[in-house]
Amino acid sequence: MLKDGLYEQIINQDILDQLARLDKDHYQITLDKLNADDARKLLTIYLSQVIRSGLHYLRDSFKSGQDKEALLAQIRLANSIVDQVAQHTKEADYQDLQIL
């Protein structure tokens, strides 16, 4: 359930669905557009949480004793994120940030 008083929260589909279920007579819901000046910081925090959760989930999907395989899967995910950043920014320097 959502906590009262969400501020500077990135609205994703899950939160939007939860907001839609709230009683509009009981809760005041105000959504603002993401400010371009604040976007870098807020999106970084949001993506950090998503990536941390994904890496944790990925690690937990491997059985005990499969530490090497789990680590390699996490590195592949991290490198695919770096690839996406390189593609979207069109900056070749990001390719040098691949985990070896």
N, C-alpha and C. Protein backbone atom coordinates (compact mmCIF):
# COMPACT_ATOMS: atom_id res chain seq x y z
N MET A 1 0.84 -1.18 0.00
CA MET A 1 0.00 0.00 0.00
C MET A 1 0.88 1.24 0.00
N LEU A 2 0.40 2.27 -0.58
CA LEU A 2 1.14 3.53 -0.64
C LEU A 2 1.15 4.22 0.72
N LYS A 3 2.25 4.88 1.01
CA LYS A 3 2.35 5.66 2.24
C LYS A 3 1.77 7.05 1.98
N ASP A 4 1.19 7.63 3.04
CA ASP A 4 0.69 9.00 2.92
C ASP A 4 1.86 9.93 2.66
N GLY A 5 1.67 10.87 1.76
CA GLY A 5 2.68 11.89 1.54
C GLY A 5 3.85 11.46 0.69
N LEU A 6 3.59 10.98 -0.49
CA LEU A 6 4.69 10.67 -1.42
C LEU A 6 5.14 11.96 -2.09
N TYR A 7 6.41 12.23 -2.00
CA TYR A 7 6.94 13.44 -2.61
C TYR A 7 8.15 13.05 -3.46
N GLU A 8 8.29 13.73 -4.57
CA GLU A 8 9.40 13.48 -5.49
C GLU A 8 9.54 11.98 -5.79
N GLN A 9 8.43 11.38 -6.07
CA GLN A 9 8.38 9.96 -6.39
C GLN A 9 8.14 9.81 -7.89
N ILE A 10 8.98 9.03 -8.54
CA ILE A 10 8.76 8.72 -9.95
C ILE A 10 7.51 7.84 -10.03
N ILE A 11 6.59 8.22 -10.87
CA ILE A 11 5.37 7.44 -11.03
C ILE A 11 5.61 6.36 -12.08
N ASN A 12 5.55 5.13 -11.62
CA ASN A 12 5.63 4.00 -12.54
C ASN A 12 4.24 3.37 -12.63
N GLN A 13 4.09 2.32 -13.40
CA GLN A 13 2.77 1.72 -13.59
C GLN A 13 2.20 1.19 -12.29
N ASP A 14 3.03 0.60 -11.45
CA ASP A 14 2.57 0.05 -10.18
C ASP A 14 1.98 1.15 -9.29
N ILE A 15 2.69 2.25 -9.16
CA ILE A 15 2.20 3.35 -8.33
C ILE A 15 0.94 3.97 -8.93
N LEU A 16 0.92 4.11 -10.25
CA LEU A 16 -0.26 4.66 -10.91
C LEU A 16 -1.48 3.78 -10.65
N ASP A 17 -1.32 2.47 -10.71
CA ASP A 17 -2.42 1.55 -10.42
C ASP A 17 -2.89 1.70 -8.98
N GLN A 18 -1.95 1.84 -8.04
CA GLN A 18 -2.32 2.00 -6.63
C GLN A 18 -3.04 3.32 -6.40
N LEU A 19 -2.58 4.38 -7.05
CA LEU A 19 -3.25 5.68 -6.93
C LEU A 19 -4.68 5.61 -7.45
N ALA A 20 -4.88 4.87 -8.53
CA ALA A 20 -6.21 4.77 -9.13
C ALA A 20 -7.20 4.07 -8.19
N ARG A 21 -6.69 3.22 -7.30
CA ARG A 21 -7.57 2.49 -6.38
C ARG A 21 -7.91 3.29 -5.12
N LEU A 22 -7.23 4.39 -4.89
CA LEU A 22 -7.48 5.19 -3.68
C LEU A 22 -8.80 5.96 -3.80
N ASP A 23 -9.43 6.15 -2.66
CA ASP A 23 -10.67 6.92 -2.58
C ASP A 23 -10.33 8.40 -2.75
N LYS A 24 -10.78 8.98 -3.84
CA LYS A 24 -10.46 10.38 -4.17
C LYS A 24 -11.06 11.36 -3.16
N ASP A 25 -12.12 10.94 -2.45
CA ASP A 25 -12.71 11.80 -1.43
C ASP A 25 -11.89 11.81 -0.14
N HIS A 26 -11.08 10.80 0.05
CA HIS A 26 -10.29 10.66 1.27
C HIS A 26 -8.84 11.13 1.10
N TYR A 27 -8.33 11.07 -0.12
CA TYR A 27 -6.95 11.43 -0.41
C TYR A 27 -6.87 12.57 -1.41
N GLN A 28 -5.95 13.45 -1.18
CA GLN A 28 -5.67 14.51 -2.15
C GLN A 28 -4.48 14.03 -2.98
N ILE A 29 -4.71 13.86 -4.26
CA ILE A 29 -3.67 13.37 -5.15
C ILE A 29 -3.34 14.46 -6.16
N THR A 30 -2.09 14.88 -6.12
CA THR A 30 -1.61 15.90 -7.04
C THR A 30 -0.36 15.37 -7.72
N LEU A 31 -0.37 15.36 -9.02
CA LEU A 31 0.80 14.91 -9.77
C LEU A 31 1.40 16.10 -10.51
N ASP A 32 2.69 16.21 -10.43
CA ASP A 32 3.41 17.25 -11.16
C ASP A 32 4.30 16.60 -12.19
N LYS A 33 4.58 17.34 -13.23
CA LYS A 33 5.50 16.84 -14.24
C LYS A 33 6.92 16.87 -13.70
N LEU A 34 7.72 15.97 -14.19
CA LEU A 34 9.12 15.91 -13.79
C LEU A 34 9.84 17.14 -14.30
N ASN A 35 10.48 17.85 -13.40
CA ASN A 35 11.22 19.05 -13.74
C ASN A 35 12.54 18.65 -14.41
N ALA A 36 12.84 19.24 -15.55
CA ALA A 36 14.05 18.88 -16.30
C ALA A 36 15.32 19.09 -15.47
N ASP A 37 15.32 20.09 -14.60
CA ASP A 37 16.50 20.35 -13.78
C ASP A 37 16.70 19.27 -12.72
N ASP A 38 15.61 18.70 -12.22
CA ASP A 38 15.70 17.67 -11.18
C ASP A 38 15.74 16.26 -11.75
N ALA A 39 15.47 16.11 -13.02
CA ALA A 39 15.29 14.79 -13.62
C ALA A 39 16.52 13.90 -13.45
N ARG A 40 17.70 14.42 -13.69
CA ARG A 40 18.91 13.59 -13.62
C ARG A 40 19.04 12.94 -12.24
N LYS A 41 18.86 13.73 -11.19
CA LYS A 41 19.01 13.21 -9.83
C LYS A 41 17.91 12.19 -9.52
N LEU A 42 16.66 12.55 -9.79
CA LEU A 42 15.54 11.67 -9.45
C LEU A 42 15.56 10.38 -10.27
N LEU A 43 15.88 10.49 -11.55
CA LEU A 43 15.94 9.29 -12.39
C LEU A 43 17.11 8.40 -11.99
N THR A 44 18.21 8.99 -11.57
CA THR A 44 19.35 8.21 -11.10
C THR A 44 18.98 7.41 -9.86
N ILE A 45 18.32 8.05 -8.93
CA ILE A 45 17.89 7.36 -7.71
C ILE A 45 16.91 6.24 -8.04
N TYR A 46 15.96 6.55 -8.90
CA TYR A 46 14.96 5.55 -9.29
C TYR A 46 15.61 4.35 -9.99
N LEU A 47 16.46 4.63 -10.98
CA LEU A 47 17.12 3.54 -11.71
C LEU A 47 18.04 2.73 -10.81
N SER A 48 18.69 3.38 -9.88
CA SER A 48 19.54 2.67 -8.93
C SER A 48 18.73 1.65 -8.14
N GLN A 49 17.55 2.04 -7.70
CA GLN A 49 16.68 1.12 -6.96
C GLN A 49 16.22 -0.04 -7.84
N VAL A 50 15.84 0.27 -9.09
CA VAL A 50 15.37 -0.76 -10.01
C VAL A 50 16.51 -1.74 -10.32
N ILE A 51 17.69 -1.21 -10.60
CA ILE A 51 18.83 -2.07 -10.94
C ILE A 51 19.24 -2.91 -9.74
N ARG A 52 19.31 -2.31 -8.56
CA ARG A 52 19.67 -3.06 -7.35
C ARG A 52 18.69 -4.21 -7.14
N SER A 53 17.41 -3.93 -7.29
CA SER A 53 16.39 -4.96 -7.13
C SER A 53 16.56 -6.06 -8.18
N GLY A 54 16.81 -5.66 -9.41
CA GLY A 54 17.00 -6.64 -10.49
C GLY A 54 18.22 -7.52 -10.27
N LEU A 55 19.32 -6.93 -9.83
CA LEU A 55 20.53 -7.71 -9.55
C LEU A 55 20.30 -8.67 -8.39
N HIS A 56 19.58 -8.21 -7.39
CA HIS A 56 19.25 -9.07 -6.24
C HIS A 56 18.37 -10.25 -6.70
N TYR A 57 17.34 -9.93 -7.48
CA TYR A 57 16.45 -10.98 -7.99
C TYR A 57 17.22 -11.97 -8.85
N LEU A 58 18.09 -11.45 -9.71
CA LEU A 58 18.88 -12.32 -10.58
C LEU A 58 19.77 -13.24 -9.75
N ARG A 59 20.44 -12.69 -8.74
CA ARG A 59 21.31 -13.50 -7.88
C ARG A 59 20.51 -14.59 -7.19
N ASP A 60 19.34 -14.24 -6.69
CA ASP A 60 18.52 -15.21 -5.97
C ASP A 60 17.92 -16.28 -6.88
N SER A 61 17.95 -16.07 -8.18
CA SER A 61 17.40 -17.07 -9.10
C SER A 61 18.37 -18.24 -9.31
N PHE A 62 19.59 -18.11 -8.80
CA PHE A 62 20.57 -19.19 -8.92
C PHE A 62 20.62 -19.98 -7.61
N LYS A 63 20.91 -21.25 -7.74
CA LYS A 63 20.99 -22.11 -6.56
C LYS A 63 22.29 -21.87 -5.82
N SER A 64 22.29 -22.30 -4.58
CA SER A 64 23.50 -22.23 -3.76
C SER A 64 24.61 -23.02 -4.46
N GLY A 65 25.80 -22.48 -4.48
CA GLY A 65 26.92 -23.14 -5.15
C GLY A 65 27.10 -22.69 -6.59
N GLN A 66 26.20 -21.85 -7.09
CA GLN A 66 26.31 -21.34 -8.45
C GLN A 66 26.75 -19.88 -8.43
N ASP A 67 27.66 -19.57 -7.52
CA ASP A 67 28.09 -18.18 -7.35
C ASP A 67 28.72 -17.61 -8.61
N LYS A 68 29.55 -18.39 -9.29
CA LYS A 68 30.21 -17.89 -10.50
C LYS A 68 29.18 -17.58 -11.59
N GLU A 69 28.23 -18.47 -11.78
CA GLU A 69 27.20 -18.27 -12.79
C GLU A 69 26.33 -17.06 -12.46
N ALA A 70 26.01 -16.91 -11.17
CA ALA A 70 25.20 -15.77 -10.74
C ALA A 70 25.94 -14.46 -10.98
N LEU A 71 27.22 -14.43 -10.65
CA LEU A 71 28.02 -13.23 -10.86
C LEU A 71 28.10 -12.88 -12.34
N LEU A 72 28.32 -13.89 -13.18
CA LEU A 72 28.39 -13.64 -14.63
C LEU A 72 27.06 -13.11 -15.16
N ALA A 73 25.96 -13.62 -14.66
CA ALA A 73 24.64 -13.12 -15.09
C ALA A 73 24.46 -11.67 -14.67
N GLN A 74 24.90 -11.33 -13.46
CA GLN A 74 24.80 -9.95 -13.00
C GLN A 74 25.68 -9.02 -13.84
N ILE A 75 26.87 -9.48 -14.19
CA ILE A 75 27.77 -8.68 -15.03
C ILE A 75 27.18 -8.50 -16.43
N ARG A 76 26.57 -9.55 -16.97
CA ARG A 76 25.92 -9.41 -18.29
C ARG A 76 24.81 -8.37 -18.24
N LEU A 77 24.02 -8.39 -17.18
CA LEU A 77 22.96 -7.39 -17.04
C LEU A 77 23.55 -5.99 -16.94
N ALA A 78 24.58 -5.82 -16.11
CA ALA A 78 25.22 -4.52 -15.97
C ALA A 78 25.78 -4.04 -17.31
N ASN A 79 26.42 -4.93 -18.05
CA ASN A 79 26.98 -4.54 -19.35
C ASN A 79 25.89 -4.22 -20.36
N SER A 80 24.76 -4.88 -20.27
CA SER A 80 23.67 -4.55 -21.20
C SER A 80 23.11 -3.16 -20.88
N ILE A 81 23.13 -2.77 -19.62
CA ILE A 81 22.70 -1.42 -19.25
C ILE A 81 23.70 -0.40 -19.79
N VAL A 82 24.99 -0.69 -19.65
CA VAL A 82 26.02 0.19 -20.21
C VAL A 82 25.84 0.31 -21.72
N ASP A 83 25.54 -0.81 -22.40
CA ASP A 83 25.29 -0.79 -23.85
C ASP A 83 24.14 0.14 -24.20
N GLN A 84 23.08 0.08 -23.42
CA GLN A 84 21.92 0.93 -23.68
C GLN A 84 22.28 2.41 -23.51
N VAL A 85 23.06 2.71 -22.48
CA VAL A 85 23.49 4.10 -22.28
C VAL A 85 24.32 4.56 -23.47
N ALA A 86 25.23 3.71 -23.94
CA ALA A 86 26.08 4.06 -25.08
C ALA A 86 25.23 4.28 -26.33
N GLN A 87 24.25 3.42 -26.55
CA GLN A 87 23.40 3.55 -27.74
C GLN A 87 22.57 4.83 -27.69
N HIS A 88 22.01 5.12 -26.54
CA HIS A 88 21.12 6.28 -26.44
C HIS A 88 21.87 7.60 -26.43
N THR A 89 23.08 7.61 -25.89
CA THR A 89 23.85 8.85 -25.85
C THR A 89 24.71 9.02 -27.08
N LYS A 90 24.93 7.92 -27.81
CA LYS A 90 25.80 7.91 -28.99
C LYS A 90 27.22 8.34 -28.63
N GLU A 91 27.62 8.02 -27.40
CA GLU A 91 28.97 8.31 -26.92
C GLU A 91 29.76 7.01 -26.83
N ALA A 92 30.76 6.87 -27.66
CA ALA A 92 31.56 5.66 -27.70
C ALA A 92 32.32 5.42 -26.39
N ASP A 93 32.60 6.48 -25.66
CA ASP A 93 33.34 6.34 -24.40
C ASP A 93 32.66 5.39 -23.42
N TYR A 94 31.35 5.26 -23.51
CA TYR A 94 30.65 4.37 -22.58
C TYR A 94 31.01 2.91 -22.83
N GLN A 95 31.40 2.56 -24.02
CA GLN A 95 31.81 1.19 -24.30
C GLN A 95 33.03 0.80 -23.48
N ASP A 96 33.86 1.79 -23.15
CA ASP A 96 35.04 1.52 -22.31
C ASP A 96 34.67 1.25 -20.87
N LEU A 97 33.41 1.43 -20.52
CA LEU A 97 32.96 1.21 -19.14
C LEU A 97 32.40 -0.20 -18.93
N GLN A 98 32.48 -1.04 -19.98
CA GLN A 98 32.05 -2.42 -19.85
C GLN A 98 32.85 -3.12 -18.76
N ILE A 99 32.19 -3.99 -18.00
CA ILE A 99 32.86 -4.79 -16.97
C ILE A 99 33.53 -5.98 -17.66
N LEU A 100 34.79 -6.16 -17.40
CA LEU A 100 35.56 -7.25 -18.03
C LEU A 100 35.58 -8.48 -17.14
